[in-house]
Protein backbone atom coordinates (compact mmCIF):
# COMPACT_ATOMS: atom_id res chain seq x y z
CA MET A 1 5.68 6.76 -27.61
CA ARG A 2 2.01 6.04 -28.30
CA ARG A 3 -0.09 8.33 -26.14
CA ARG A 4 -3.67 7.45 -25.59
CA SER A 5 -5.92 9.10 -23.09
CA VAL A 6 -5.52 7.86 -19.56
CA SER A 7 -8.50 8.60 -17.33
CA SER A 8 -7.86 10.57 -14.14
CA CYS A 9 -8.01 8.59 -10.93
CA LYS A 10 -9.44 9.80 -7.65
CA ALA A 11 -8.51 6.62 -5.77
CA ARG A 12 -7.53 7.69 -2.30
CA PHE A 13 -8.29 4.52 -0.37
CA LEU A 14 -5.39 2.37 0.68
CA VAL A 15 -6.82 -0.74 -0.95
CA ALA A 16 -6.50 0.95 -4.31
CA SER A 17 -2.74 0.96 -4.03
CA ALA A 18 -2.81 -2.75 -3.33
CA ALA A 19 -4.94 -3.39 -6.39
CA ALA A 20 -2.78 -1.23 -8.62
CA SER A 21 0.63 -2.38 -7.58
CA ALA A 22 2.37 -4.81 -9.83
CA LEU A 23 3.82 -6.54 -6.80
CA LEU A 24 2.64 -5.09 -3.49
CA ALA A 25 3.12 -7.15 -0.37
CA GLY A 26 4.92 -7.17 2.91
CA CYS A 27 8.45 -8.56 2.93
CA GLY A 28 11.79 -8.61 1.22
CA GLY A 29 13.88 -11.52 0.02
CA ASP A 30 15.68 -13.26 -2.78
CA VAL A 31 14.30 -15.47 -5.52
CA SER A 32 17.39 -17.30 -6.68
CA SER A 33 16.74 -20.89 -7.68
CA THR A 34 17.32 -20.35 -11.40
CA ARG A 35 20.90 -21.27 -12.34
CA THR A 36 20.76 -21.42 -16.14
CA PRO A 37 22.75 -18.93 -18.26
CA VAL A 38 21.40 -15.40 -18.43
CA VAL A 39 19.83 -13.69 -21.42
CA VAL A 40 21.63 -10.54 -22.59
CA ASP A 41 19.43 -7.53 -23.39
CA GLY A 42 16.20 -9.49 -23.04
CA THR A 43 12.65 -8.50 -22.10
CA VAL A 44 11.04 -9.32 -18.77
CA THR A 45 7.25 -9.27 -18.58
CA ILE A 46 5.54 -8.63 -15.23
CA ALA A 47 1.86 -9.24 -14.54
CA GLY A 48 0.07 -6.28 -12.95
CA ALA A 49 -3.34 -6.60 -11.32
CA SER A 50 -5.02 -3.53 -12.82
CA GLU A 51 -4.61 -0.62 -15.19
CA THR A 52 -2.46 2.37 -14.30
CA PRO A 53 -4.47 5.54 -15.01
CA SER A 54 -1.46 7.79 -14.32
CA PHE A 55 2.32 7.34 -14.26
CA HIS A 56 2.76 10.37 -12.01
CA PRO A 57 5.00 8.96 -9.24
CA TYR A 58 3.10 10.89 -6.56
CA SER A 59 -0.32 9.62 -7.63
CA GLN A 60 -1.96 6.62 -5.95
CA PHE A 61 -1.47 4.36 -8.96
CA GLY A 62 1.74 5.77 -10.41
CA LEU A 63 3.59 5.22 -7.15
CA SER A 64 3.57 1.45 -7.64
CA LEU A 65 5.47 1.62 -10.95
CA ALA A 66 7.74 4.51 -9.93
CA PRO A 67 10.79 2.38 -8.95
CA TYR A 68 11.42 1.53 -12.61
CA ALA A 69 11.88 5.18 -13.62
CA TYR A 70 12.57 7.04 -10.37
CA ASP A 71 15.05 6.80 -7.51
CA SER A 72 14.74 7.88 -3.89
CA LEU A 73 17.35 9.33 -1.56
CA VAL A 74 17.78 6.01 0.24
CA SER A 75 16.62 2.45 -0.25
CA VAL A 76 15.72 -0.38 2.12
CA ALA A 77 17.47 -3.71 1.64
CA PRO A 78 15.95 -7.13 2.34
CA GLY A 79 15.96 -7.45 6.09
CA GLY A 80 14.97 -3.81 6.60
CA ARG A 81 18.34 -2.02 6.66
CA VAL A 82 18.46 1.47 5.13
CA VAL A 83 21.09 1.65 2.34
CA SER A 84 22.34 4.27 -0.07
CA ALA A 85 20.60 5.34 -3.27
CA LEU A 86 20.70 8.94 -4.55
CA ALA A 87 22.21 9.89 -1.19
CA GLU A 88 25.59 8.40 -0.36
CA ARG A 89 25.24 9.26 3.33
CA TRP A 90 22.69 10.76 5.74
CA ARG A 91 22.07 11.56 9.36
CA ALA A 92 18.86 12.21 11.23
CA GLY A 93 17.47 13.37 14.57
CA ALA A 94 14.00 13.72 16.05
CA THR A 95 13.05 16.73 13.90
CA SER A 96 15.64 16.90 11.12
CA ALA A 97 17.64 14.94 8.57
CA ARG A 98 20.44 15.71 6.12
CA PHE A 99 21.18 13.79 2.92
CA THR A 100 24.39 14.13 0.91
CA LEU A 101 23.89 13.27 -2.77
CA ARG A 102 26.17 11.06 -4.83
CA GLU A 103 28.19 12.76 -7.53
CA GLY A 104 27.39 12.14 -11.18
CA VAL A 105 23.65 11.42 -10.95
CA THR A 106 21.73 12.47 -14.06
CA CYS A 107 18.07 12.70 -15.00
CA SER A 108 16.64 10.78 -17.94
CA ASP A 109 16.95 13.93 -20.10
CA GLY A 110 20.69 14.12 -19.34
CA THR A 111 20.64 17.03 -16.89
CA ALA A 112 22.63 16.70 -13.67
CA LEU A 113 20.63 16.18 -10.48
CA THR A 114 21.37 18.87 -7.90
CA ALA A 115 20.43 19.22 -4.26
CA SER A 116 18.20 22.15 -5.18
CA ALA A 117 16.33 19.96 -7.67
CA VAL A 118 15.74 17.31 -5.01
CA ALA A 119 14.50 19.96 -2.59
CA ARG A 120 12.03 21.29 -5.17
CA SER A 121 10.69 17.78 -5.74
CA LEU A 122 10.20 17.19 -2.01
CA ARG A 123 8.45 20.55 -1.56
CA TYR A 124 6.15 19.85 -4.50
CA ALA A 125 5.25 16.42 -3.12
CA GLY A 126 4.58 17.77 0.36
CA ASP A 127 2.52 20.82 -0.63
CA PRO A 128 -1.07 20.02 0.47
CA ARG A 129 -2.42 22.27 -2.29
CA ASN A 130 -1.19 19.76 -4.86
CA ARG A 131 -3.32 16.96 -3.34
CA LEU A 132 -0.83 14.25 -4.29
CA VAL A 133 -2.37 11.19 -2.69
CA GLY A 134 0.42 8.74 -3.46
CA ALA A 135 3.05 11.05 -2.01
CA ARG A 136 1.01 11.52 1.15
CA THR A 137 1.07 7.78 1.81
CA VAL A 138 4.89 7.96 1.92
CA LEU A 139 5.65 11.34 3.48
CA PRO A 140 5.63 12.18 7.19
CA GLY A 141 2.26 13.01 8.69
CA VAL A 142 3.59 16.32 10.00
CA PRO A 143 4.55 19.51 8.12
CA PHE A 144 8.15 19.81 7.01
CA THR A 145 10.47 22.27 5.29
CA VAL A 146 13.32 21.54 2.89
CA SER A 147 16.50 23.44 2.05
CA ALA A 148 19.48 22.68 -0.17
CA ASP A 149 23.17 23.50 -0.52
CA ASP A 150 24.38 22.68 -4.03
CA ALA A 151 28.02 23.39 -3.15
CA VAL A 152 28.15 20.40 -0.79
CA ARG A 153 25.34 18.42 -2.50
CA GLU A 154 23.26 18.47 0.70
CA VAL A 155 19.48 18.34 1.18
CA SER A 156 18.18 19.25 4.65
CA VAL A 157 14.73 18.45 6.02
CA ARG A 158 13.17 19.81 9.20
CA THR A 159 9.80 18.68 10.60
CA ALA A 160 7.45 20.92 12.56
CA SER A 161 7.24 18.37 15.37
CA PRO A 162 9.08 15.16 16.28
CA TYR A 163 8.71 12.39 13.74
CA SER A 164 10.22 8.94 14.24
CA PHE A 165 10.78 7.96 10.65
CA ILE A 166 12.09 10.93 8.64
CA VAL A 167 14.64 8.85 6.72
CA ARG A 168 12.19 5.99 6.07
CA THR A 169 9.55 8.38 4.69
CA ILE A 170 11.08 11.39 2.96
CA GLY A 171 14.12 9.30 2.12
CA LEU A 172 11.98 6.75 0.24
CA LEU A 173 9.94 9.21 -1.84
CA PRO A 174 10.63 9.05 -5.61
CA VAL A 175 12.49 12.17 -6.76
CA VAL A 176 11.08 13.98 -9.80
CA CYS A 177 13.55 15.82 -12.01
CA PRO A 178 13.15 19.52 -12.95
CA ALA A 179 11.70 18.76 -16.39
CA GLY A 180 8.82 16.89 -14.74
CA LEU A 181 8.18 19.66 -12.21
CA ALA A 182 8.10 22.20 -15.03
CA ASN A 183 5.12 20.38 -16.54
CA PRO A 184 3.53 18.14 -13.87
CA GLY A 185 0.57 17.29 -16.08
CA ALA A 186 2.89 15.46 -18.46
CA LEU A 187 3.88 13.07 -15.65
CA ASP A 188 0.57 11.28 -16.13
CA ARG A 189 1.85 9.91 -19.44
CA SER A 190 5.65 10.11 -19.28
CA THR A 191 8.49 9.76 -16.76
CA ALA A 192 11.08 12.30 -15.63
CA GLY A 193 13.33 10.66 -13.09
CA THR A 194 16.84 9.38 -12.48
CA GLY A 195 15.84 5.71 -12.44
CA PRO A 196 17.24 2.73 -14.36
CA TYR A 197 14.42 2.74 -16.94
CA VAL A 198 12.19 5.22 -18.76
CA LEU A 199 8.59 4.78 -19.85
CA SER A 200 8.83 4.34 -23.61
CA ASP A 201 5.48 2.96 -24.72
CA TYR A 202 2.00 2.38 -23.33
CA THR A 203 -1.68 2.07 -24.03
CA SER A 204 -4.34 2.99 -21.49
CA GLY A 205 -5.13 -0.65 -20.73
CA GLY A 206 -1.53 -1.83 -20.90
CA PRO A 207 1.03 -3.05 -21.60
CA TYR A 208 3.40 -0.46 -20.15
CA VAL A 209 6.95 -0.63 -21.53
CA PHE A 210 10.05 0.61 -19.73
CA THR A 211 13.36 0.80 -21.62
CA ARG A 212 16.78 0.67 -19.97
CA ARG A 213 18.82 3.86 -19.61
CA GLU A 214 22.48 4.03 -20.51
CA GLY A 215 25.09 4.89 -17.87
CA TYR A 216 22.95 4.32 -14.79
CA ALA A 217 25.10 3.58 -11.71
CA TRP A 218 23.41 4.98 -8.59
CA GLY A 219 20.86 2.37 -7.55
CA PRO A 220 20.71 0.75 -4.09
CA ARG A 221 24.29 0.47 -2.77
CA GLY A 222 25.54 1.88 -6.09
CA ALA A 223 23.87 -0.77 -8.29
CA GLY A 224 23.82 -0.27 -12.04
CA ASN A 225 21.56 -1.64 -14.77
CA ALA A 226 24.02 -3.13 -17.26
CA ALA A 227 25.07 -6.40 -15.62
CA PRO A 228 24.66 -9.57 -17.73
CA GLY A 229 21.07 -10.76 -17.56
CA GLN A 230 19.53 -7.41 -16.68
CA PRO A 231 16.66 -6.82 -19.12
CA ALA A 232 16.81 -4.12 -21.75
CA ARG A 233 13.04 -3.81 -21.49
CA ILE A 234 10.50 -4.36 -18.72
CA VAL A 235 6.91 -4.85 -19.85
CA VAL A 236 4.09 -4.57 -17.31
CA LYS A 237 1.08 -6.44 -18.66
CA VAL A 238 -2.37 -5.94 -17.09
CA VAL A 239 -3.70 -9.35 -16.01
CA PRO A 240 -6.75 -8.88 -13.74
CA GLN A 241 -7.40 -12.56 -13.03
CA GLU A 242 -5.02 -14.59 -10.88
CA ALA A 243 -5.91 -17.78 -12.70
CA THR A 244 -4.76 -16.16 -15.93
CA SER A 245 -1.52 -15.01 -14.29
CA ALA A 246 -0.90 -18.57 -13.13
CA ASN A 247 -1.49 -19.93 -16.63
CA MET A 248 0.89 -17.36 -18.10
CA LEU A 249 3.60 -18.24 -15.57
CA LEU A 250 3.37 -21.88 -16.62
CA THR A 251 3.54 -21.07 -20.32
CA GLY A 252 6.11 -18.27 -20.09
CA GLY A 253 3.61 -15.59 -21.06
CA VAL A 254 4.85 -13.59 -18.06
CA ASN A 255 8.11 -13.83 -16.15
CA ILE A 256 6.99 -12.46 -12.78
CA ALA A 257 3.59 -12.48 -11.10
CA MET A 258 2.03 -12.46 -7.66
CA VAL A 259 -0.57 -15.12 -6.82
CA THR A 260 -2.44 -15.15 -3.51
CA GLY A 261 -5.25 -17.67 -3.96
CA PRO A 262 -5.76 -21.37 -4.63
CA ASP A 263 -4.00 -21.21 -8.00
CA ARG A 264 -0.75 -21.49 -6.07
CA GLU A 265 -1.36 -25.20 -5.63
CA ARG A 266 -1.06 -25.92 -9.34
CA LEU A 267 2.11 -23.84 -9.68
CA ALA A 268 4.09 -26.11 -7.37
CA GLY A 269 6.55 -28.52 -8.97
CA HIS A 270 6.99 -26.61 -12.23
CA GLY A 271 10.44 -25.18 -11.58
CA LEU A 272 9.22 -21.68 -10.79
CA SER A 273 11.13 -19.51 -8.36
CA ALA A 274 8.93 -18.42 -5.47
CA VAL A 275 8.99 -16.32 -2.31
CA GLN A 276 6.29 -16.06 0.37
CA VAL A 277 5.16 -12.56 1.30
CA PRO A 278 3.27 -11.94 4.57
CA THR A 279 0.04 -9.97 4.19
CA VAL A 280 -3.15 -9.07 6.00
CA VAL A 281 -6.11 -10.49 4.09
CA GLY A 282 -9.14 -8.31 4.66
CA LEU A 283 -9.49 -5.07 6.58
CA ALA A 284 -13.00 -3.91 7.52
CA PHE A 285 -13.68 -0.19 7.96
CA PHE A 286 -16.74 1.31 9.64
CA ASN A 287 -18.32 4.62 8.61
CA GLU A 288 -18.40 6.81 11.71
CA ARG A 289 -19.78 9.92 10.05
CA PRO A 290 -22.37 11.79 12.15
CA GLY A 291 -25.83 10.44 11.44
CA ARG A 292 -24.64 6.99 10.37
CA PRO A 293 -25.55 4.09 12.69
CA LEU A 294 -21.91 3.09 13.21
CA ASN A 295 -21.10 6.49 14.64
CA ASP A 296 -22.23 4.76 17.86
CA ARG A 297 -19.20 2.99 19.40
CA ALA A 298 -21.45 0.54 21.27
CA VAL A 299 -23.06 -0.61 18.00
CA ARG A 300 -19.68 -1.08 16.32
CA ARG A 301 -18.36 -3.09 19.25
CA ALA A 302 -21.49 -5.24 19.36
CA LEU A 303 -21.37 -6.05 15.65
CA VAL A 304 -17.64 -6.85 15.71
CA GLY A 305 -18.08 -8.94 18.85
CA ALA A 306 -20.78 -11.03 17.15
CA LEU A 307 -18.42 -12.12 14.36
CA ASP A 308 -16.70 -15.51 14.25
CA ARG A 309 -13.15 -14.30 13.62
CA LYS A 310 -11.84 -17.79 12.97
CA GLY A 311 -14.60 -18.42 10.46
CA LEU A 312 -13.87 -15.12 8.72
CA ALA A 313 -10.17 -15.98 8.56
CA ASN A 314 -10.97 -19.38 7.04
CA VAL A 315 -13.05 -17.71 4.32
CA ALA A 316 -10.43 -15.03 3.69
CA ILE A 317 -7.65 -17.59 3.24
CA GLY A 318 -9.77 -20.21 1.52
CA GLY A 319 -8.72 -22.83 4.07
CA ASP A 320 -7.46 -22.97 7.63
CA GLY A 321 -6.95 -19.31 8.45
CA THR A 322 -5.54 -17.46 11.43
CA PRO A 323 -7.29 -14.28 12.64
CA ALA A 324 -5.09 -11.25 12.09
CA ARG A 325 -3.27 -9.95 15.15
CA HIS A 326 -2.43 -6.49 13.86
CA LEU A 327 -3.35 -3.99 11.15
CA THR A 328 -0.07 -4.65 9.35
CA ALA A 329 1.73 -7.75 8.06
CA ARG A 330 3.82 -9.72 10.51
CA ASP A 331 7.18 -8.57 9.11
CA SER A 332 6.40 -4.85 9.41
CA LEU A 333 8.16 -2.61 11.91
CA CYS A 334 6.62 -2.83 15.42
CA HIS A 335 4.35 -5.75 14.51
CA ALA A 336 2.98 -7.56 17.57
CA ASP A 337 -0.27 -9.11 18.81
CA ALA A 338 -2.51 -6.09 19.29
CA ALA A 339 -5.76 -8.00 18.80
CA THR A 340 -5.88 -10.46 21.71
CA GLY A 341 -7.82 -8.90 24.56
CA ASN A 342 -8.70 -5.83 22.50
CA VAL A 343 -10.98 -6.93 19.64
CA PRO A 344 -14.53 -7.03 21.09
CA SER A 345 -15.99 -10.49 21.57
CA SER A 346 -19.39 -11.99 22.52
CA GLY A 347 -22.23 -10.18 24.27
CA ALA A 348 -23.54 -8.55 21.10
CA ARG A 349 -27.25 -8.74 21.98
CA ARG A 350 -26.57 -7.43 25.49
CA GLU A 351 -24.54 -4.47 24.19
CA LEU A 352 -27.17 -3.65 21.59
CA ARG A 353 -29.91 -3.65 24.22
CA ALA A 354 -27.79 -1.40 26.43
CA ALA A 355 -27.44 0.97 23.47
CA GLY A 356 -31.24 1.08 23.10
CA TRP A 357 -31.72 -1.40 20.26
CA THR A 358 -34.51 -3.95 20.64
CA ARG A 359 -36.10 -6.49 18.30
CA ASN A 360 -39.63 -5.82 17.06
CA GLU A 361 -42.24 -8.41 16.19
CA GLN A 362 -40.61 -8.98 12.79
CA GLY A 363 -37.28 -9.69 14.46
CA GLU A 364 -35.72 -6.40 13.28
CA LEU A 365 -33.46 -4.35 15.49
CA VAL A 366 -35.05 -0.95 16.04
CA LYS A 367 -34.36 2.14 18.13
CA ARG A 368 -37.00 4.82 18.52
CA GLY A 369 -38.92 3.08 15.76
CA ARG A 370 -36.03 3.19 13.25
CA PRO A 371 -34.45 -0.08 12.05
CA LEU A 372 -30.71 -0.74 12.15
CA ARG A 373 -29.72 -0.75 8.48
CA LEU A 374 -26.21 -1.21 7.12
CA ARG A 375 -24.82 -0.87 3.61
CA VAL A 376 -21.88 -3.28 3.36
CA LEU A 377 -19.56 -2.89 0.36
CA SER A 378 -16.91 -5.20 -1.02
CA SER A 379 -15.06 -5.70 -4.28
CA GLY A 380 -13.30 -8.65 -5.79
CA ASP A 381 -10.88 -6.10 -7.25
CA PHE A 382 -9.25 -5.90 -3.83
CA GLY A 383 -9.04 -9.65 -3.25
CA SER A 384 -10.94 -12.61 -4.64
CA THR A 385 -12.14 -13.82 -1.21
CA LEU A 386 -13.22 -10.46 0.21
CA PRO A 387 -16.82 -10.55 -1.13
CA SER A 388 -17.24 -13.90 0.66
CA VAL A 389 -15.87 -12.37 3.87
CA ALA A 390 -18.43 -9.58 3.57
CA GLU A 391 -21.17 -12.14 2.94
CA LEU A 392 -20.34 -14.05 6.14
CA MET A 393 -20.40 -10.79 8.10
CA ALA A 394 -23.80 -9.99 6.62
CA VAL A 395 -25.19 -13.42 7.54
CA THR A 396 -24.04 -12.96 11.15
CA TRP A 397 -25.51 -9.48 11.48
CA ARG A 398 -28.80 -10.44 9.86
CA ALA A 399 -29.17 -13.15 12.51
CA LEU A 400 -29.06 -10.36 15.09
CA GLY A 401 -31.86 -8.53 13.32
CA VAL A 402 -29.81 -6.06 11.30
CA ASP A 403 -31.12 -5.08 7.86
CA VAL A 404 -28.00 -5.56 5.72
CA ASP A 405 -27.72 -4.37 2.14
CA LEU A 406 -24.77 -6.37 0.80
CA VAL A 407 -23.32 -4.74 -2.31
CA GLY A 408 -20.54 -5.96 -4.59
CA GLU A 409 -18.98 -3.13 -6.58
CA SER A 410 -16.00 -2.36 -8.77
CA GLY A 411 -12.97 -1.06 -6.98
CA ASN A 412 -13.50 2.44 -8.36
CA ALA A 413 -17.13 2.46 -7.23
CA VAL A 414 -16.12 1.48 -3.69
CA VAL A 415 -13.49 4.23 -3.60
CA HIS A 416 -16.08 6.76 -4.80
CA ALA A 417 -18.50 5.71 -2.05
CA MET A 418 -15.84 6.11 0.59
CA TYR A 419 -14.30 9.39 -0.48
CA GLU A 420 -17.04 11.16 -2.35
CA SER A 421 -20.61 10.06 -1.57
CA GLY A 422 -20.07 8.49 1.86
CA SER A 423 -22.80 5.97 1.01
CA PHE A 424 -21.50 3.01 2.98
CA ASP A 425 -21.49 1.71 6.53
CA VAL A 426 -18.94 -1.08 6.25
CA VAL A 427 -16.27 -1.68 3.62
CA VAL A 428 -14.38 -4.95 3.48
CA GLY A 429 -11.16 -3.90 1.84
CA SER A 430 -7.51 -4.84 1.97
CA SER A 431 -4.40 -3.72 3.81
CA PRO A 432 -1.69 -1.79 1.96
CA GLY A 433 0.93 -3.69 3.95
CA PRO A 434 2.77 -0.60 5.25
CA GLN A 435 6.17 -1.18 6.79
CA LEU A 436 5.77 1.70 9.27
CA PRO A 437 2.93 2.11 11.77
CA ALA A 438 3.00 5.85 11.12
CA GLN A 439 1.82 5.26 7.55
CA LEU A 440 -1.61 4.25 8.82
CA VAL A 441 -2.12 7.39 10.91
CA PRO A 442 -3.77 9.53 8.17
CA TYR A 443 -6.45 6.86 7.70
CA PHE A 444 -7.49 6.85 11.37
CA SER A 445 -6.77 10.38 12.53
CA GLY A 446 -6.93 14.00 11.52
CA PRO A 447 -9.29 15.77 9.11
CA SER A 448 -12.22 13.84 7.69
CA ALA A 449 -13.37 16.34 5.08
CA SER A 450 -13.74 15.41 1.42
CA GLY A 451 -10.36 14.58 -0.06
CA GLU A 452 -8.73 13.62 3.22
CA LEU A 453 -7.51 10.09 3.95
CA ASN A 454 -9.61 9.67 7.11
CA PHE A 455 -12.56 8.57 4.97
CA ALA A 456 -14.33 6.73 7.82
CA HIS A 457 -14.34 9.85 10.06
CA VAL A 458 -12.53 8.04 12.88
CA THR A 459 -12.12 10.04 16.09
CA ASN A 460 -10.20 8.13 18.74
CA ALA A 461 -8.61 10.29 21.44
CA ALA A 462 -6.58 7.43 22.90
CA TYR A 463 -5.11 6.58 19.48
CA ASP A 464 -4.22 10.22 18.78
CA ARG A 465 -2.55 10.63 22.17
CA LEU A 466 -0.47 7.48 21.78
CA VAL A 467 0.57 8.41 18.24
CA VAL A 468 1.89 11.77 19.43
CA ARG A 469 3.91 10.01 22.12
CA ALA A 470 5.19 7.32 19.73
CA LEU A 471 6.37 9.90 17.20
CA ARG A 472 8.72 11.41 19.78
CA SER A 473 10.68 8.14 19.97
CA PRO A 474 13.23 7.48 17.20
CA GLY A 475 12.77 4.42 15.00
CA ASP A 476 11.53 1.28 16.70
CA THR A 477 12.05 2.58 20.25
CA GLY A 478 8.44 3.75 20.14
CA CYS A 479 7.00 0.35 19.21
CA ALA A 480 5.27 -0.16 22.56
CA ASP A 481 3.28 3.04 22.06
CA TRP A 482 2.56 2.23 18.42
CA ASN A 483 1.09 -1.12 19.45
CA ARG A 484 -0.97 0.49 22.22
CA ALA A 485 -2.29 2.88 19.58
CA ALA A 486 -3.33 -0.01 17.31
CA ALA A 487 -4.99 -1.70 20.29
CA ALA A 488 -7.01 1.48 20.94
CA LEU A 489 -8.43 1.32 17.40
CA LEU A 490 -9.34 -2.35 17.81
CA ARG A 491 -10.99 -1.82 21.22
CA SER A 492 -13.16 0.92 19.79
CA ALA A 493 -14.02 -1.23 16.73
CA ASP A 494 -12.75 1.51 14.42
CA VAL A 495 -11.29 -1.18 12.16
CA LEU A 496 -11.08 -4.97 12.02
CA PRO A 497 -8.20 -6.90 10.38
CA VAL A 498 -9.47 -10.28 9.19
CA ALA A 499 -6.71 -12.82 8.57
CA GLU A 500 -2.97 -13.44 8.57
CA GLY A 501 -2.04 -14.42 5.06
CA THR A 502 0.67 -14.74 2.48
CA SER A 503 1.04 -13.96 -1.17
CA THR A 504 3.58 -15.65 -3.41
CA VAL A 505 5.72 -13.91 -6.00
CA TYR A 506 6.76 -16.33 -8.75
CA GLY A 507 9.51 -16.07 -11.33
CA HIS A 508 9.59 -17.93 -14.66
CA ARG A 509 13.23 -18.12 -15.78
CA THR A 510 13.76 -14.94 -13.78
CA THR A 511 15.54 -14.03 -10.54
CA PHE A 512 15.06 -10.83 -8.54
CA ARG A 513 15.00 -9.37 -5.04
CA LEU A 514 12.05 -7.92 -3.18
CA ALA A 515 12.49 -4.87 -1.01
CA PRO A 516 10.44 -4.57 2.19
CA GLY A 517 6.94 -3.74 1.04
CA GLY A 518 7.16 -6.50 -1.56
CA ARG A 519 8.22 -4.42 -4.53
CA ILE A 520 10.74 -5.73 -6.99
CA VAL A 521 14.16 -4.06 -6.94
CA PRO A 522 14.53 -3.22 -10.66
CA THR A 523 18.32 -3.47 -10.70
CA SER A 524 18.12 -6.99 -9.23
CA ILE A 525 16.16 -8.54 -12.11
CA ARG A 526 17.97 -11.20 -14.14
CA LEU A 527 16.48 -13.11 -17.08
CA HIS A 528 17.68 -16.69 -17.60
CA ARG A 529 17.50 -19.04 -20.56
């Protein structure tokens, strides 16, 4: 394997995972229109939006490519049903879960996977001292302990407090084999899992090559990787521009790519397989750190209330858009209309006056002689229309008398501002499209120190109270509380989702399935002539 230096990545913001993922979206389904004969032992090329600085499956960027080389205890089928993977059966309660492993599972180095090995991987991922950002976006938001019984191939998990989704969090974490845990630093540039492929070649800017393993037979529902048409190699090629991805789909330069913008129009009628994936286009975050102007709830509500949500949605979609009704995509668990009656509307000038802001002779909003100044960040790396969404927000707020510094940055620069320097007031980013409402909790609750996920320093007592109550209810029985919690964030203008949207995953001479979350199921890929 060629090994060139891969820069370390401190990306902790949820939009970074969206930018890095080869195919990150919000639904599952089949792409099955191709009926020509299959290609035996071929190569499938997938377009990825950005470079992968690390292949560590628990890092923010490595998590998106992990399914090619790593398995989890369970999988989620199209439609949302939990199905077997490394575990052949499982059972769960409010504070515990037990997983029984399949027999005969081996790591990529040939060693047998034991329950003890799985337990070590889960402990490593959940240890806060390891600061594994990607793992934290999957794992429960409460402490947990893990034990193992190799004699009966059983892994047991117990949480410190009730948690609704133990199986759909811990059960979906990629499992790292003992060789990888023995040298975690090597996971940045190699793979050590039980998955259907292994990383065999890469350069820092791509492509990333995964080669099929022999004897693999423990994928979702016992799927293998040797059926006719399954590729011998999967190549992930970095293609930053959607227009280029569209061109390559038409010419066969890539077999699979996601396109979200206007280039979809010219892809119609060319025999490509396609599936629509619900998304949230645009998610605005407000810096509530002490001393920043948006620490004041009244100011946040006034500024959000001044916005034309329909106009923002039109810009975000590049056409006739629909304002987003929730923080997550419409096919996610517990999705409902949390926005109507909760997102602030109108009365901006009145609320600003009540908060002590008045316009001076120059038309600037001032309070105690200090102007209201906002630094608004956006990046085209997180979505081609998002800088235009930020621009429309800035135009609206300037009309109120706000001094807006509108800044377009690279994705890495935005992440640095949010998690390191704190030099922002508003960020127009993107939603990660989580399937579980609990996956958003770390971003809007808990510690706000450097390195924590609550980068905007949100403190919302109503949200925290409702989350605690929702977590006591198993599965979707707590949806009413989860939606009340989302409504509490929207009422306080802690966050603003912009538009309901869709992305489209296209296949050129290729069929595949998408699991919930929009990721390709590696064992489902078939290459056709």
